[in-house]
Amino acid sequence: MKMLKYSGASIALLAFIYGALGHKDIAIHFFLFGFYMLVCSYLAEPFLDSEKRVDSWQKVASVGFLIASLSFIVSYYWDLANVGNFIFIIGYLVLGVSVLAQIRKAFRK
């Protein structure tokens, strides 16, 4: 898992170097790929750790974040801004509901 984090950070750093050299069209793609590798490694960490029990809210929050992050890809690469906004709203609604459920569960204890 550490290798995935380091790879994502290295690719994102490579994007900044490309951007500084003036290749901004290539840099955005490198940065997106590195950033998503980094974020996905943090989201997948509780699932891959066999000692920890993964709560359902963590699963739902991870899915909500990934759905919301797809909105940027849809908006940027396919130029579908309205569809991207709709996917973003759905993803963050899923994320918000899971976080609110966890807060409610914490106060109930």
PDB file of N, CA and C in Angstrom:
ATOM      1  N   MET A   1       0.830  -1.186   0.000  1.00  0.00           N
ATOM      2  CA  MET A   1       0.000   0.000   0.000  1.00  0.00           C
ATOM      3  C   MET A   1       0.879   1.256   0.000  1.00  0.00           C
ATOM      4  N   LYS A   2       2.016   1.188   0.694  1.00  0.00           N
ATOM      5  CA  LYS A   2       2.906   2.350   0.708  1.00  0.00           C
ATOM      6  C   LYS A   2       3.446   2.634  -0.688  1.00  0.00           C
ATOM      7  N   MET A   3       3.656   1.552  -1.454  1.00  0.00           N
ATOM      8  CA  MET A   3       4.177   1.734  -2.804  1.00  0.00           C
ATOM      9  C   MET A   3       3.191   2.512  -3.672  1.00  0.00           C
ATOM     10  N   LEU A   4       1.891   2.251  -3.498  1.00  0.00           N
ATOM     11  CA  LEU A   4       0.872   2.971  -4.261  1.00  0.00           C
ATOM     12  C   LEU A   4       0.846   4.448  -3.873  1.00  0.00           C
ATOM     13  N   LYS A   5       0.997   4.734  -2.576  1.00  0.00           N
ATOM     14  CA  LYS A   5       1.033   6.132  -2.122  1.00  0.00           C
ATOM     15  C   LYS A   5       2.251   6.856  -2.684  1.00  0.00           C
ATOM     16  N   TYR A   6       3.414   6.193  -2.611  1.00  0.00           N
ATOM     17  CA  TYR A   6       4.625   6.821  -3.121  1.00  0.00           C
ATOM     18  C   TYR A   6       4.559   7.007  -4.634  1.00  0.00           C
ATOM     19  N   SER A   7       3.974   6.042  -5.329  1.00  0.00           N
ATOM     20  CA  SER A   7       3.842   6.164  -6.781  1.00  0.00           C
ATOM     21  C   SER A   7       2.927   7.319  -7.143  1.00  0.00           C
ATOM     22  N   GLY A   8       1.803   7.432  -6.444  1.00  0.00           N
ATOM     23  CA  GLY A   8       0.884   8.536  -6.714  1.00  0.00           C
ATOM     24  C   GLY A   8       1.516   9.884  -6.448  1.00  0.00           C
ATOM     25  N   ALA A   9       2.249   9.987  -5.341  1.00  0.00           N
ATOM     26  CA  ALA A   9       2.913  11.250  -5.015  1.00  0.00           C
ATOM     27  C   ALA A   9       4.010  11.567  -6.029  1.00  0.00           C
ATOM     28  N   SER A  10       4.728  10.552  -6.486  1.00  0.00           N
ATOM     29  CA  SER A  10       5.793  10.771  -7.467  1.00  0.00           C
ATOM     30  C   SER A  10       5.231  11.224  -8.808  1.00  0.00           C
ATOM     31  N   ILE A  11       4.125  10.617  -9.227  1.00  0.00           N
ATOM     32  CA  ILE A  11       3.516  11.008 -10.499  1.00  0.00           C
ATOM     33  C   ILE A  11       2.961  12.429 -10.408  1.00  0.00           C
ATOM     34  N   ALA A  12       2.352  12.772  -9.270  1.00  0.00           N
ATOM     35  CA  ALA A  12       1.853  14.140  -9.093  1.00  0.00           C
ATOM     36  C   ALA A  12       3.010  15.143  -9.081  1.00  0.00           C
ATOM     37  N   LEU A  13       4.139  14.773  -8.480  1.00  0.00           N
ATOM     38  CA  LEU A  13       5.315  15.645  -8.487  1.00  0.00           C
ATOM     39  C   LEU A  13       5.864  15.801  -9.898  1.00  0.00           C
ATOM     40  N   LEU A  14       5.852  14.724 -10.664  1.00  0.00           N
ATOM     41  CA  LEU A  14       6.272  14.788 -12.056  1.00  0.00           C
ATOM     42  C   LEU A  14       5.386  15.750 -12.846  1.00  0.00           C
ATOM     43  N   ALA A  15       4.108  15.784 -12.497  1.00  0.00           N
ATOM     44  CA  ALA A  15       3.182  16.712 -13.160  1.00  0.00           C
ATOM     45  C   ALA A  15       3.575  18.163 -12.889  1.00  0.00           C
ATOM     46  N   PHE A  16       3.985  18.464 -11.661  1.00  0.00           N
ATOM     47  CA  PHE A  16       4.408  19.832 -11.361  1.00  0.00           C
ATOM     48  C   PHE A  16       5.666  20.207 -12.147  1.00  0.00           C
ATOM     49  N   ILE A  17       6.555  19.239 -12.333  1.00  0.00           N
ATOM     50  CA  ILE A  17       7.763  19.510 -13.120  1.00  0.00           C
ATOM     51  C   ILE A  17       7.397  19.788 -14.576  1.00  0.00           C
ATOM     52  N   TYR A  18       6.517  18.947 -15.129  1.00  0.00           N
ATOM     53  CA  TYR A  18       6.059  19.188 -16.503  1.00  0.00           C
ATOM     54  C   TYR A  18       5.363  20.542 -16.621  1.00  0.00           C
ATOM     55  N   GLY A  19       4.565  20.898 -15.638  1.00  0.00           N
ATOM     56  CA  GLY A  19       3.889  22.194 -15.659  1.00  0.00           C
ATOM     57  C   GLY A  19       4.863  23.355 -15.609  1.00  0.00           C
ATOM     58  N   ALA A  20       5.915  23.198 -14.795  1.00  0.00           N
ATOM     59  CA  ALA A  20       6.921  24.256 -14.696  1.00  0.00           C
ATOM     60  C   ALA A  20       7.709  24.403 -15.995  1.00  0.00           C
ATOM     61  N   LEU A  21       7.852  23.298 -16.725  1.00  0.00           N
ATOM     62  CA  LEU A  21       8.558  23.353 -18.004  1.00  0.00           C
ATOM     63  C   LEU A  21       7.684  23.872 -19.141  1.00  0.00           C
ATOM     64  N   GLY A  22       6.411  24.094 -18.856  1.00  0.00           N
ATOM     65  CA  GLY A  22       5.530  24.662 -19.864  1.00  0.00           C
ATOM     66  C   GLY A  22       4.617  23.671 -20.558  1.00  0.00           C
ATOM     67  N   HIS A  23       4.679  22.410 -20.189  1.00  0.00           N
ATOM     68  CA  HIS A  23       3.832  21.380 -20.803  1.00  0.00           C
ATOM     69  C   HIS A  23       2.571  21.191 -19.962  1.00  0.00           C
ATOM     70  N   LYS A  24       1.737  22.194 -19.909  1.00  0.00           N
ATOM     71  CA  LYS A  24       0.567  22.151 -19.025  1.00  0.00           C
ATOM     72  C   LYS A  24      -0.490  21.165 -19.495  1.00  0.00           C
ATOM     73  N   ASP A  25      -0.571  20.908 -20.805  1.00  0.00           N
ATOM     74  CA  ASP A  25      -1.559  19.960 -21.302  1.00  0.00           C
ATOM     75  C   ASP A  25      -1.230  18.531 -20.873  1.00  0.00           C
ATOM     76  N   ILE A  26       0.039  18.208 -20.783  1.00  0.00           N
ATOM     77  CA  ILE A  26       0.451  16.886 -20.310  1.00  0.00           C
ATOM     78  C   ILE A  26       0.419  16.842 -18.788  1.00  0.00           C
ATOM     79  N   ALA A  27       0.761  17.939 -18.150  1.00  0.00           N
ATOM     80  CA  ALA A  27       0.861  17.981 -16.691  1.00  0.00           C
ATOM     81  C   ALA A  27      -0.473  17.708 -16.015  1.00  0.00           C
ATOM     82  N   ILE A  28      -1.571  18.191 -16.577  1.00  0.00           N
ATOM     83  CA  ILE A  28      -2.873  17.978 -15.938  1.00  0.00           C
ATOM     84  C   ILE A  28      -3.235  16.498 -15.916  1.00  0.00           C
ATOM     85  N   HIS A  29      -2.878  15.769 -16.968  1.00  0.00           N
ATOM     86  CA  HIS A  29      -3.186  14.342 -17.007  1.00  0.00           C
ATOM     87  C   HIS A  29      -2.333  13.566 -16.005  1.00  0.00           C
ATOM     88  N   PHE A  30      -1.053  13.916 -15.924  1.00  0.00           N
ATOM     89  CA  PHE A  30      -0.190  13.275 -14.939  1.00  0.00           C
ATOM     90  C   PHE A  30      -0.664  13.568 -13.523  1.00  0.00           C
ATOM     91  N   PHE A  31      -1.020  14.821 -13.272  1.00  0.00           N
ATOM     92  CA  PHE A  31      -1.455  15.187 -11.930  1.00  0.00           C
ATOM     93  C   PHE A  31      -2.732  14.452 -11.545  1.00  0.00           C
ATOM     94  N   LEU A  32      -3.703  14.380 -12.454  1.00  0.00           N
ATOM     95  CA  LEU A  32      -4.948  13.665 -12.154  1.00  0.00           C
ATOM     96  C   LEU A  32      -4.686  12.205 -11.838  1.00  0.00           C
ATOM     97  N   PHE A  33      -3.852  11.573 -12.645  1.00  0.00           N
ATOM     98  CA  PHE A  33      -3.557  10.158 -12.423  1.00  0.00           C
ATOM     99  C   PHE A  33      -2.849   9.948 -11.086  1.00  0.00           C
ATOM    100  N   GLY A  34      -1.859  10.764 -10.787  1.00  0.00           N
ATOM    101  CA  GLY A  34      -1.140  10.642  -9.521  1.00  0.00           C
ATOM    102  C   GLY A  34      -2.009  10.946  -8.319  1.00  0.00           C
ATOM    103  N   PHE A  35      -2.838  11.985  -8.439  1.00  0.00           N
ATOM    104  CA  PHE A  35      -3.720  12.354  -7.338  1.00  0.00           C
ATOM    105  C   PHE A  35      -4.727  11.245  -7.051  1.00  0.00           C
ATOM    106  N   TYR A  36      -5.318  10.673  -8.095  1.00  0.00           N
ATOM    107  CA  TYR A  36      -6.290   9.611  -7.869  1.00  0.00           C
ATOM    108  C   TYR A  36      -5.639   8.342  -7.334  1.00  0.00           C
ATOM    109  N   MET A  37      -4.391   8.063  -7.730  1.00  0.00           N
ATOM    110  CA  MET A  37      -3.681   6.928  -7.131  1.00  0.00           C
ATOM    111  C   MET A  37      -3.475   7.163  -5.643  1.00  0.00           C
ATOM    112  N   LEU A  38      -3.118   8.374  -5.284  1.00  0.00           N
ATOM    113  CA  LEU A  38      -2.885   8.718  -3.886  1.00  0.00           C
ATOM    114  C   LEU A  38      -4.167   8.628  -3.073  1.00  0.00           C
ATOM    115  N   VAL A  39      -5.245   9.204  -3.577  1.00  0.00           N
ATOM    116  CA  VAL A  39      -6.522   9.185  -2.864  1.00  0.00           C
ATOM    117  C   VAL A  39      -7.070   7.764  -2.760  1.00  0.00           C
ATOM    118  N   CYS A  40      -6.994   7.009  -3.841  1.00  0.00           N
ATOM    119  CA  CYS A  40      -7.510   5.636  -3.810  1.00  0.00           C
ATOM    120  C   CYS A  40      -6.710   4.750  -2.864  1.00  0.00           C
ATOM    121  N   SER A  41      -5.423   5.020  -2.711  1.00  0.00           N
ATOM    122  CA  SER A  41      -4.640   4.229  -1.760  1.00  0.00           C
ATOM    123  C   SER A  41      -5.076   4.509  -0.327  1.00  0.00           C
ATOM    124  N   TYR A  42      -5.406   5.765  -0.015  1.00  0.00           N
ATOM    125  CA  TYR A  42      -5.907   6.084   1.321  1.00  0.00           C
ATOM    126  C   TYR A  42      -7.300   5.510   1.549  1.00  0.00           C
ATOM    127  N   LEU A  43      -8.136   5.507   0.507  1.00  0.00           N
ATOM    128  CA  LEU A  43      -9.477   4.949   0.653  1.00  0.00           C
ATOM    129  C   LEU A  43      -9.448   3.431   0.776  1.00  0.00           C
ATOM    130  N   ALA A  44      -8.502   2.793   0.119  1.00  0.00           N
ATOM    131  CA  ALA A  44      -8.439   1.333   0.136  1.00  0.00           C
ATOM    132  C   ALA A  44      -7.714   0.781   1.354  1.00  0.00           C
ATOM    133  N   GLU A  45      -7.007   1.617   2.080  1.00  0.00           N
ATOM    134  CA  GLU A  45      -6.209   1.145   3.214  1.00  0.00           C
ATOM    135  C   GLU A  45      -7.018   0.409   4.280  1.00  0.00           C
ATOM    136  N   PRO A  46      -8.172   0.912   4.725  1.00  0.00           N
ATOM    137  CA  PRO A  46      -8.928   0.152   5.737  1.00  0.00           C
ATOM    138  C   PRO A  46      -9.434  -1.191   5.227  1.00  0.00           C
ATOM    139  N   PHE A  47      -9.684  -1.285   3.918  1.00  0.00           N
ATOM    140  CA  PHE A  47     -10.193  -2.530   3.359  1.00  0.00           C
ATOM    141  C   PHE A  47      -9.108  -3.593   3.268  1.00  0.00           C
ATOM    142  N   LEU A  48      -7.861  -3.167   3.083  1.00  0.00           N
ATOM    143  CA  LEU A  48      -6.769  -4.114   2.912  1.00  0.00           C
ATOM    144  C   LEU A  48      -6.097  -4.490   4.223  1.00  0.00           C
ATOM    145  N   ASP A  49      -6.367  -3.770   5.286  1.00  0.00           N
ATOM    146  CA  ASP A  49      -5.811  -4.095   6.594  1.00  0.00           C
ATOM    147  C   ASP A  49      -6.677  -5.176   7.220  1.00  0.00           C
ATOM    148  N   SER A  50      -6.121  -6.360   7.375  1.00  0.00           N
ATOM    149  CA  SER A  50      -6.925  -7.501   7.834  1.00  0.00           C
ATOM    150  C   SER A  50      -7.264  -7.426   9.322  1.00  0.00           C
ATOM    151  N   GLU A  51      -6.557  -6.603  10.085  1.00  0.00           N
ATOM    152  CA  GLU A  51      -6.817  -6.536  11.521  1.00  0.00           C
ATOM    153  C   GLU A  51      -7.984  -5.620  11.863  1.00  0.00           C
ATOM    154  N   LYS A  52      -8.232  -4.622  11.039  1.00  0.00           N
ATOM    155  CA  LYS A  52      -9.311  -3.681  11.317  1.00  0.00           C
ATOM    156  C   LYS A  52     -10.614  -4.162  10.694  1.00  0.00           C
ATOM    157  N   ARG A  53     -11.701  -3.861  11.381  1.00  0.00           N
ATOM    158  CA  ARG A  53     -13.027  -4.140  10.835  1.00  0.00           C
ATOM    159  C   ARG A  53     -13.500  -2.887  10.113  1.00  0.00           C
ATOM    160  N   VAL A  54     -13.962  -3.058   8.906  1.00  0.00           N
ATOM    161  CA  VAL A  54     -14.401  -1.921   8.102  1.00  0.00           C
ATOM    162  C   VAL A  54     -15.884  -1.690   8.350  1.00  0.00           C
ATOM    163  N   ASP A  55     -16.217  -0.480   8.805  1.00  0.00           N
ATOM    164  CA  ASP A  55     -17.618  -0.131   9.022  1.00  0.00           C
ATOM    165  C   ASP A  55     -18.299   0.128   7.690  1.00  0.00           C
ATOM    166  N   SER A  56     -19.607  -0.011   7.713  1.00  0.00           N
ATOM    167  CA  SER A  56     -20.358   0.212   6.474  1.00  0.00           C
ATOM    168  C   SER A  56     -20.288   1.673   6.042  1.00  0.00           C
ATOM    169  N   TRP A  57     -20.188   2.592   7.005  1.00  0.00           N
ATOM    170  CA  TRP A  57     -20.124   4.004   6.625  1.00  0.00           C
ATOM    171  C   TRP A  57     -18.836   4.312   5.885  1.00  0.00           C
ATOM    172  N   GLN A  58     -17.732   3.591   6.213  1.00  0.00           N
ATOM    173  CA  GLN A  58     -16.483   3.793   5.488  1.00  0.00           C
ATOM    174  C   GLN A  58     -16.617   3.337   4.037  1.00  0.00           C
ATOM    175  N   LYS A  59     -17.317   2.228   3.850  1.00  0.00           N
ATOM    176  CA  LYS A  59     -17.534   1.740   2.488  1.00  0.00           C
ATOM    177  C   LYS A  59     -18.370   2.727   1.694  1.00  0.00           C
ATOM    178  N   VAL A  60     -19.445   3.205   2.300  1.00  0.00           N
ATOM    179  CA  VAL A  60     -20.332   4.141   1.603  1.00  0.00           C
ATOM    180  C   VAL A  60     -19.623   5.469   1.344  1.00  0.00           C
ATOM    181  N   ALA A  61     -18.826   5.933   2.305  1.00  0.00           N
ATOM    182  CA  ALA A  61     -18.092   7.187   2.116  1.00  0.00           C
ATOM    183  C   ALA A  61     -17.071   7.056   0.984  1.00  0.00           C
ATOM    184  N   SER A  62     -16.404   5.914   0.900  1.00  0.00           N
ATOM    185  CA  SER A  62     -15.445   5.694  -0.182  1.00  0.00           C
ATOM    186  C   SER A  62     -16.132   5.692  -1.537  1.00  0.00           C
ATOM    187  N   VAL A  63     -17.264   5.016  -1.614  1.00  0.00           N
ATOM    188  CA  VAL A  63     -18.014   4.979  -2.873  1.00  0.00           C
ATOM    189  C   VAL A  63     -18.518   6.375  -3.236  1.00  0.00           C
ATOM    190  N   GLY A  64     -19.004   7.122  -2.253  1.00  0.00           N
ATOM    191  CA  GLY A  64     -19.471   8.487  -2.508  1.00  0.00           C
ATOM    192  C   GLY A  64     -18.371   9.387  -3.020  1.00  0.00           C
ATOM    193  N   PHE A  65     -17.178   9.260  -2.429  1.00  0.00           N
ATOM    194  CA  PHE A  65     -16.063  10.083  -2.894  1.00  0.00           C
ATOM    195  C   PHE A  65     -15.667   9.722  -4.314  1.00  0.00           C
ATOM    196  N   LEU A  66     -15.632   8.430  -4.621  1.00  0.00           N
ATOM    197  CA  LEU A  66     -15.254   8.019  -5.968  1.00  0.00           C
ATOM    198  C   LEU A  66     -16.284   8.461  -7.001  1.00  0.00           C
ATOM    199  N   ILE A  67     -17.563   8.397  -6.646  1.00  0.00           N
ATOM    200  CA  ILE A  67     -18.603   8.880  -7.563  1.00  0.00           C
ATOM    201  C   ILE A  67     -18.445  10.381  -7.793  1.00  0.00           C
ATOM    202  N   ALA A  68     -18.202  11.120  -6.725  1.00  0.00           N
ATOM    203  CA  ALA A  68     -18.034  12.568  -6.858  1.00  0.00           C
ATOM    204  C   ALA A  68     -16.783  12.916  -7.667  1.00  0.00           C
ATOM    205  N   SER A  69     -15.725  12.134  -7.515  1.00  0.00           N
ATOM    206  CA  SER A  69     -14.516  12.421  -8.279  1.00  0.00           C
ATOM    207  C   SER A  69     -14.682  12.081  -9.754  1.00  0.00           C
ATOM    208  N   LEU A  70     -15.585  11.174 -10.065  1.00  0.00           N
ATOM    209  CA  LEU A  70     -15.854  10.881 -11.471  1.00  0.00           C
ATOM    210  C   LEU A  70     -16.462  12.081 -12.188  1.00  0.00           C
ATOM    211  N   SER A  71     -17.106  12.948 -11.436  1.00  0.00           N
ATOM    212  CA  SER A  71     -17.737  14.112 -12.061  1.00  0.00           C
ATOM    213  C   SER A  71     -16.705  15.002 -12.747  1.00  0.00           C
ATOM    214  N   PHE A  72     -15.526  15.117 -12.152  1.00  0.00           N
ATOM    215  CA  PHE A  72     -14.486  15.935 -12.774  1.00  0.00           C
ATOM    216  C   PHE A  72     -14.015  15.306 -14.073  1.00  0.00           C
ATOM    217  N   ILE A  73     -13.850  13.994 -14.061  1.00  0.00           N
ATOM    218  CA  ILE A  73     -13.401  13.302 -15.267  1.00  0.00           C
ATOM    219  C   ILE A  73     -14.430  13.447 -16.383  1.00  0.00           C
ATOM    220  N   VAL A  74     -15.702  13.277 -16.034  1.00  0.00           N
ATOM    221  CA  VAL A  74     -16.767  13.415 -17.036  1.00  0.00           C
ATOM    222  C   VAL A  74     -16.818  14.842 -17.571  1.00  0.00           C
ATOM    223  N   SER A  75     -16.702  15.820 -16.700  1.00  0.00           N
ATOM    224  CA  SER A  75     -16.772  17.220 -17.132  1.00  0.00           C
ATOM    225  C   SER A  75     -15.563  17.625 -17.965  1.00  0.00           C
ATOM    226  N   TYR A  76     -14.393  17.158 -17.570  1.00  0.00           N
ATOM    227  CA  TYR A  76     -13.169  17.614 -18.225  1.00  0.00           C
ATOM    228  C   TYR A  76     -12.913  16.894 -19.546  1.00  0.00           C
ATOM    229  N   TYR A  77     -12.976  15.564 -19.519  1.00  0.00           N
ATOM    230  CA  TYR A  77     -12.578  14.806 -20.697  1.00  0.00           C
ATOM    231  C   TYR A  77     -13.677  14.688 -21.749  1.00  0.00           C
ATOM    232  N   TRP A  78     -14.929  14.621 -21.330  1.00  0.00           N
ATOM    233  CA  TRP A  78     -16.013  14.455 -22.299  1.00  0.00           C
ATOM    234  C   TRP A  78     -16.817  15.730 -22.491  1.00  0.00           C
ATOM    235  N   ASP A  79     -16.454  16.801 -21.811  1.00  0.00           N
ATOM    236  CA  ASP A  79     -17.096  18.103 -21.948  1.00  0.00           C
ATOM    237  C   ASP A  79     -18.608  18.025 -21.730  1.00  0.00           C
ATOM    238  N   LEU A  80     -18.996  17.288 -20.718  1.00  0.00           N
ATOM    239  CA  LEU A  80     -20.407  17.162 -20.345  1.00  0.00           C
ATOM    240  C   LEU A  80     -20.592  17.796 -18.972  1.00  0.00           C
ATOM    241  N   ALA A  81     -20.636  19.103 -18.929  1.00  0.00           N
ATOM    242  CA  ALA A  81     -20.668  19.816 -17.649  1.00  0.00           C
ATOM    243  C   ALA A  81     -21.936  19.526 -16.857  1.00  0.00           C
ATOM    244  N   ASN A  82     -23.077  19.463 -17.509  1.00  0.00           N
ATOM    245  CA  ASN A  82     -24.326  19.212 -16.779  1.00  0.00           C
ATOM    246  C   ASN A  82     -24.351  17.816 -16.170  1.00  0.00           C
ATOM    247  N   VAL A  83     -23.881  16.829 -16.924  1.00  0.00           N
ATOM    248  CA  VAL A  83     -23.820  15.463 -16.395  1.00  0.00           C
ATOM    249  C   VAL A  83     -22.810  15.391 -15.259  1.00  0.00           C
ATOM    250  N   GLY A  84     -21.679  16.077 -15.407  1.00  0.00           N
ATOM    251  CA  GLY A  84     -20.673  16.107 -14.350  1.00  0.00           C
ATOM    252  C   GLY A  84     -21.199  16.725 -13.070  1.00  0.00           C
ATOM    253  N   ASN A  85     -21.962  17.792 -13.184  1.00  0.00           N
ATOM    254  CA  ASN A  85     -22.557  18.416 -11.995  1.00  0.00           C
ATOM    255  C   ASN A  85     -23.542  17.481 -11.314  1.00  0.00           C
ATOM    256  N   PHE A  86     -24.321  16.765 -12.093  1.00  0.00           N
ATOM    257  CA  PHE A  86     -25.291  15.820 -11.542  1.00  0.00           C
ATOM    258  C   PHE A  86     -24.588  14.678 -10.801  1.00  0.00           C
ATOM    259  N   ILE A  87     -23.529  14.142 -11.404  1.00  0.00           N
ATOM    260  CA  ILE A  87     -22.764  13.063 -10.754  1.00  0.00           C
ATOM    261  C   ILE A  87     -22.111  13.578  -9.476  1.00  0.00           C
ATOM    262  N   PHE A  88     -21.600  14.806  -9.510  1.00  0.00           N
ATOM    263  CA  PHE A  88     -20.983  15.409  -8.329  1.00  0.00           C
ATOM    264  C   PHE A  88     -21.982  15.511  -7.183  1.00  0.00           C
ATOM    265  N   ILE A  89     -23.186  15.973  -7.479  1.00  0.00           N
ATOM    266  CA  ILE A  89     -24.213  16.112  -6.442  1.00  0.00           C
ATOM    267  C   ILE A  89     -24.585  14.755  -5.869  1.00  0.00           C
ATOM    268  N   ILE A  90     -24.748  13.746  -6.718  1.00  0.00           N
ATOM    269  CA  ILE A  90     -25.080  12.398  -6.237  1.00  0.00           C
ATOM    270  C   ILE A  90     -23.968  11.860  -5.344  1.00  0.00           C
ATOM    271  N   GLY A  91     -22.721  12.006  -5.779  1.00  0.00           N
ATOM    272  CA  GLY A  91     -21.594  11.503  -4.992  1.00  0.00           C
ATOM    273  C   GLY A  91     -21.487  12.151  -3.632  1.00  0.00           C
ATOM    274  N   TYR A  92     -21.637  13.463  -3.576  1.00  0.00           N
ATOM    275  CA  TYR A  92     -21.527  14.131  -2.287  1.00  0.00           C
ATOM    276  C   TYR A  92     -22.763  13.958  -1.421  1.00  0.00           C
ATOM    277  N   LEU A  93     -23.902  13.672  -2.013  1.00  0.00           N
ATOM    278  CA  LEU A  93     -25.061  13.288  -1.198  1.00  0.00           C
ATOM    279  C   LEU A  93     -24.818  11.945  -0.523  1.00  0.00           C
ATOM    280  N   VAL A  94     -24.272  10.999  -1.276  1.00  0.00           N
ATOM    281  CA  VAL A  94     -23.943   9.688  -0.693  1.00  0.00           C
ATOM    282  C   VAL A  94     -22.905   9.849   0.407  1.00  0.00           C
ATOM    283  N   LEU A  95     -21.882  10.648   0.145  1.00  0.00           N
ATOM    284  CA  LEU A  95     -20.843  10.895   1.144  1.00  0.00           C
ATOM    285  C   LEU A  95     -21.409  11.587   2.377  1.00  0.00           C
ATOM    286  N   GLY A  96     -22.242  12.591   2.180  1.00  0.00           N
ATOM    287  CA  GLY A  96     -22.842  13.316   3.302  1.00  0.00           C
ATOM    288  C   GLY A  96     -23.752  12.458   4.146  1.00  0.00           C
ATOM    289  N   VAL A  97     -24.552  11.614   3.505  1.00  0.00           N
ATOM    290  CA  VAL A  97     -25.443  10.721   4.256  1.00  0.00           C
ATOM    291  C   VAL A  97     -24.639   9.743   5.096  1.00  0.00           C
ATOM    292  N   SER A  98     -23.557   9.210   4.550  1.00  0.00           N
ATOM    293  CA  SER A  98     -22.754   8.260   5.324  1.00  0.00           C
ATOM    294  C   SER A  98     -22.075   8.936   6.509  1.00  0.00           C
ATOM    295  N   VAL A  99     -21.596  10.152   6.328  1.00  0.00           N
ATOM    296  CA  VAL A  99     -20.956  10.871   7.436  1.00  0.00           C
ATOM    297  C   VAL A  99     -21.982  11.247   8.501  1.00  0.00           C
ATOM    298  N   LEU A 100     -23.152  11.704   8.082  1.00  0.00           N
ATOM    299  CA  LEU A 100     -24.205  12.025   9.054  1.00  0.00           C
ATOM    300  C   LEU A 100     -24.653  10.787   9.826  1.00  0.00           C
ATOM    301  N   ALA A 101     -24.715   9.650   9.157  1.00  0.00           N
ATOM    302  CA  ALA A 101     -25.076   8.410   9.848  1.00  0.00           C
ATOM    303  C   ALA A 101     -24.020   8.040  10.882  1.00  0.00           C
ATOM    304  N   GLN A 102     -22.751   8.261  10.564  1.00  0.00           N
ATOM    305  CA  GLN A 102     -21.685   7.960  11.515  1.00  0.00           C
ATOM    306  C   GLN A 102     -21.727   8.920  12.699  1.00  0.00           C
ATOM    307  N   ILE A 103     -21.991  10.194  12.454  1.00  0.00           N
ATOM    308  CA  ILE A 103     -22.093  11.167  13.552  1.00  0.00           C
ATOM    309  C   ILE A 103     -23.266  10.817  14.458  1.00  0.00           C
ATOM    310  N   ARG A 104     -24.367  10.462  13.865  1.00  0.00           N
ATOM    311  CA  ARG A 104     -25.549  10.073  14.648  1.00  0.00           C
ATOM    312  C   ARG A 104     -25.260   8.830  15.490  1.00  0.00           C
ATOM    313  N   LYS A 105     -24.533   7.892  14.890  1.00  0.00           N
ATOM    314  CA  LYS A 105     -24.174   6.664  15.601  1.00  0.00           C
ATOM    315  C   LYS A 105     -23.217   6.973  16.759  1.00  0.00           C
ATOM    316  N   ALA A 106     -22.314   7.926  16.564  1.00  0.00           N
ATOM    317  CA  ALA A 106     -21.356   8.285  17.611  1.00  0.00           C
ATOM    318  C   ALA A 106     -22.040   8.965  18.788  1.00  0.00           C
ATOM    319  N   PHE A 107     -23.036   9.801  18.525  1.00  0.00           N
ATOM    320  CA  PHE A 107     -23.740  10.476  19.610  1.00  0.00           C
ATOM    321  C   PHE A 107     -24.707   9.551  20.333  1.00  0.00           C
ATOM    322  N   ARG A 108     -25.113   8.485  19.694  1.00  0.00           N
ATOM    323  CA  ARG A 108     -26.034   7.544  20.314  1.00  0.00           C
ATOM    324  C   ARG A 108     -25.330   6.697  21.376  1.00  0.00           C
ATOM    325  N   LYS A 109     -24.020   6.530  21.256  1.00  0.00           N
ATOM    326  CA  LYS A 109     -23.278   5.689  22.205  1.00  0.00           C
ATOM    327  C   LYS A 109     -23.188   6.326  23.512  1.00  0.00           C
TER     328      LYS A 109
END
